[in-house]
Amino acid sequence: GQLQNFRQLVMTEGVSTLYKGCTPLLARQVTNWGTRYGVARYLEEKTCASRGRSEKCTLRVTDKALCSLAGGVMACWNHPFDVVAINMQSRSCTASRSVFATTKDIYATHGLKGFARGIGPRMAQSCWATLCMVVGTDYVRSAL
């Protein structure tokens, strides 16, 4: 079963095999929410300013949603980190494969387009998550 496969994997390749791709994933996570939240709030401020209201501006739900969706899309600038991590985690990589070696291999095999594989689903996921968490938090906070 799964536990037996897990045990065999750790016995043959060592514990380090469980952490393949951890470095690029951490780099993506560190920048991901800061970008989402930062871009969404920046666009909200600019929307308020464009309407001549800057202090304690209350935007419509549609305005907040559009700003959050843009924040979600813009947060995907770091998608290449995911591509590198996924490649490092795949069975085709060895445990000693570095981030730089994997990046070089992706570029050599697929060119720059290789770093954009899967960007569409990532944008969709990022948009709904940002929408729910940025707009949703505002409305929950105002209700409390």
Protein backbone atom coordinates (compact mmCIF):
# COMPACT_ATOMS: atom_id res chain seq x y z
CA GLY A 1 0.00 0.00 0.00
CA GLN A 2 0.91 3.63 0.26
CA LEU A 3 2.68 3.31 3.59
CA GLN A 4 4.83 0.51 2.23
CA ASN A 5 5.73 2.61 -0.84
CA PHE A 6 6.57 5.55 1.40
CA ARG A 7 8.79 3.41 3.60
CA GLN A 8 10.55 1.90 0.60
CA LEU A 9 11.14 5.35 -0.90
CA VAL A 10 12.70 6.67 2.31
CA MET A 11 14.80 3.52 2.73
CA THR A 12 16.17 3.60 -0.83
CA GLU A 13 16.52 7.34 -1.48
CA GLY A 14 16.72 8.77 2.03
CA VAL A 15 14.68 11.41 3.86
CA SER A 16 15.96 14.19 1.61
CA THR A 17 13.81 12.82 -1.21
CA LEU A 18 10.75 14.10 0.69
CA TYR A 19 12.00 17.68 0.34
CA LYS A 20 12.80 17.82 -3.38
CA GLY A 21 11.64 21.13 -4.75
CA CYS A 22 11.22 22.71 -1.33
CA THR A 23 13.52 25.68 -2.06
CA PRO A 24 11.63 26.97 -5.13
CA LEU A 25 8.28 26.39 -3.41
CA LEU A 26 9.40 28.46 -0.44
CA ALA A 27 10.54 31.23 -2.79
CA ARG A 28 7.12 31.23 -4.44
CA GLN A 29 5.21 31.16 -1.15
CA VAL A 30 7.20 34.03 0.33
CA THR A 31 6.37 36.28 -2.60
CA ASN A 32 2.89 34.98 -3.42
CA TRP A 33 0.60 36.42 -0.75
CA GLY A 34 2.53 39.64 -0.47
CA THR A 35 2.02 40.21 -4.17
CA ARG A 36 -1.67 39.25 -4.15
CA TYR A 37 -2.57 41.37 -1.18
CA GLY A 38 -0.26 44.24 -2.09
CA VAL A 39 -1.48 44.56 -5.69
CA ALA A 40 -5.14 44.28 -4.66
CA ARG A 41 -4.79 47.00 -2.01
CA TYR A 42 -2.73 49.23 -4.30
CA LEU A 43 -5.41 49.02 -7.00
CA GLU A 44 -8.13 49.75 -4.44
CA GLU A 45 -6.27 52.89 -3.36
CA LYS A 46 -5.80 53.99 -6.98
CA THR A 47 -9.49 53.35 -7.72
CA CYS A 48 -10.48 55.53 -4.76
CA ALA A 49 -8.03 58.25 -5.76
CA SER A 50 -9.30 58.24 -9.35
CA ARG A 51 -12.76 59.02 -7.97
CA GLY A 52 -11.48 61.85 -5.83
CA ARG A 53 -11.86 59.94 -2.57
CA SER A 54 -8.83 58.87 -0.66
CA GLU A 55 -9.64 58.85 3.06
CA LYS A 56 -11.70 55.88 4.24
CA CYS A 57 -13.01 55.19 0.75
CA THR A 58 -15.64 52.47 0.46
CA LEU A 59 -15.63 50.69 -2.87
CA ARG A 60 -18.45 48.74 -4.41
CA VAL A 61 -18.21 44.95 -4.34
CA THR A 62 -17.52 44.85 -8.08
CA ASP A 63 -14.64 47.31 -7.72
CA LYS A 64 -13.10 45.30 -4.87
CA ALA A 65 -13.59 42.10 -6.84
CA LEU A 66 -11.87 43.49 -9.93
CA CYS A 67 -8.93 44.74 -7.86
CA SER A 68 -8.63 41.34 -6.18
CA LEU A 69 -8.83 39.47 -9.48
CA ALA A 70 -6.05 41.66 -10.87
CA GLY A 71 -4.02 40.96 -7.73
CA GLY A 72 -4.54 37.24 -8.26
CA VAL A 73 -3.35 37.40 -11.85
CA MET A 74 -0.35 39.57 -10.99
CA ALA A 75 0.68 37.15 -8.22
CA CYS A 76 1.46 34.57 -10.90
CA TRP A 77 4.69 36.33 -11.88
CA ASN A 78 6.46 33.76 -9.70
CA HIS A 79 4.99 30.72 -11.51
CA PRO A 80 8.40 29.60 -12.82
CA PHE A 81 9.26 28.64 -9.22
CA ASP A 82 6.36 26.15 -9.34
CA VAL A 83 7.55 24.72 -12.64
CA VAL A 84 11.04 24.17 -11.22
CA ALA A 85 9.64 22.60 -8.03
CA ILE A 86 7.37 20.24 -9.94
CA ASN A 87 10.25 19.18 -12.15
CA MET A 88 12.44 18.60 -9.10
CA GLN A 89 9.71 16.50 -7.48
CA SER A 90 9.07 14.36 -10.53
CA ARG A 91 10.47 10.85 -10.70
CA SER A 92 12.80 11.86 -13.55
CA CYS A 93 14.99 13.91 -11.20
CA THR A 94 17.60 12.50 -8.88
CA ALA A 95 17.83 13.45 -5.21
CA SER A 96 21.01 15.45 -5.83
CA ARG A 97 19.45 17.65 -8.53
CA SER A 98 19.85 21.32 -7.69
CA VAL A 99 17.49 24.21 -8.38
CA PHE A 100 19.91 25.66 -10.90
CA ALA A 101 20.46 22.36 -12.72
CA THR A 102 16.71 21.84 -12.99
CA THR A 103 16.17 25.40 -14.22
CA LYS A 104 18.89 24.97 -16.82
CA ASP A 105 17.35 21.67 -17.97
CA ILE A 106 13.87 23.20 -18.36
CA TYR A 107 15.28 26.05 -20.41
CA ALA A 108 17.38 23.73 -22.57
CA THR A 109 14.44 21.41 -23.22
CA HIS A 110 11.51 23.83 -23.59
CA GLY A 111 12.95 27.35 -23.76
CA LEU A 112 11.23 30.21 -21.94
CA LYS A 113 7.81 28.70 -22.71
CA GLY A 114 8.72 25.82 -20.41
CA PHE A 115 8.45 28.10 -17.40
CA ALA A 116 4.87 29.04 -18.30
CA ARG A 117 3.48 25.49 -18.37
CA GLY A 118 0.31 25.34 -16.29
CA ILE A 119 -0.04 29.12 -15.89
CA GLY A 120 -3.75 29.13 -16.86
CA PRO A 121 -4.96 26.88 -14.02
CA ARG A 122 -2.61 28.68 -11.63
CA MET A 123 -4.16 32.04 -12.56
CA ALA A 124 -7.67 30.67 -12.08
CA GLN A 125 -6.78 29.30 -8.66
CA SER A 126 -4.98 32.48 -7.69
CA CYS A 127 -7.91 34.67 -8.73
CA TRP A 128 -10.58 32.88 -6.73
CA ALA A 129 -8.32 32.57 -3.68
CA THR A 130 -7.45 36.27 -3.75
CA LEU A 131 -11.07 37.23 -4.32
CA CYS A 132 -12.27 35.18 -1.36
CA MET A 133 -9.49 36.11 1.00
CA VAL A 134 -9.05 39.80 0.27
CA VAL A 135 -12.69 40.80 -0.36
CA GLY A 136 -14.06 38.19 2.03
CA THR A 137 -11.84 39.38 4.86
CA ASP A 138 -12.96 42.97 4.34
CA TYR A 139 -16.61 42.04 4.60
CA VAL A 140 -16.13 39.77 7.60
CA ARG A 141 -14.08 42.48 9.33
CA SER A 142 -16.75 45.12 8.65
CA ALA A 143 -19.48 42.82 9.96
CA LEU A 144 -17.69 42.31 13.28
